[in-house]
Amino acid sequence: EGGDIHDAFEFLLTNFTESNRLWVRLQHQGAVKDKARREIERYDLRVLVGTNLVRLSQLEGLTQEFYVAEALPKVLEQVVQCKDVMAQQYLLDSVIQVFPDEFHLHTLDQILTACTQTVPNVD
């Protein structure tokens, strides 16, 4: 039968995590001559990663409680773990933009803590 918000969230989180890992890995793969093509692929993957965040924010049944207790901690864990300046900057910006401001009012401490755990040069 159909799943609930937890199932949908885990599915989208897995897609987000895997596409983000691929996005970060692409930066370091391939020959120098393929750099332009790789940057285009990286941009396309960035769009996919951002789209996954948008889908997470649009989940039917997403409540502030679920966001605070489940969604944000897991998303921020992925942001901090990726250790890539461009990815961390983009992901933090995206999280702030795609989820409702009311949710952020209750999670400022979590977001600010994640900001302190990013690699240097993330602004």
Foldseek 3Di string as FASTA:
>chain_A
DDDDLVVVLVVLLVQLLVLLLVLLVLCPDDDPVCNVVSVVVSVVSLVVNLVSLLVNQPDPPDDLVCCQPPVVVSLLVSLLVSQDQVSNLSSLVSNCPRHDPVSCVVCVVVSVVSVVSHDPPRD
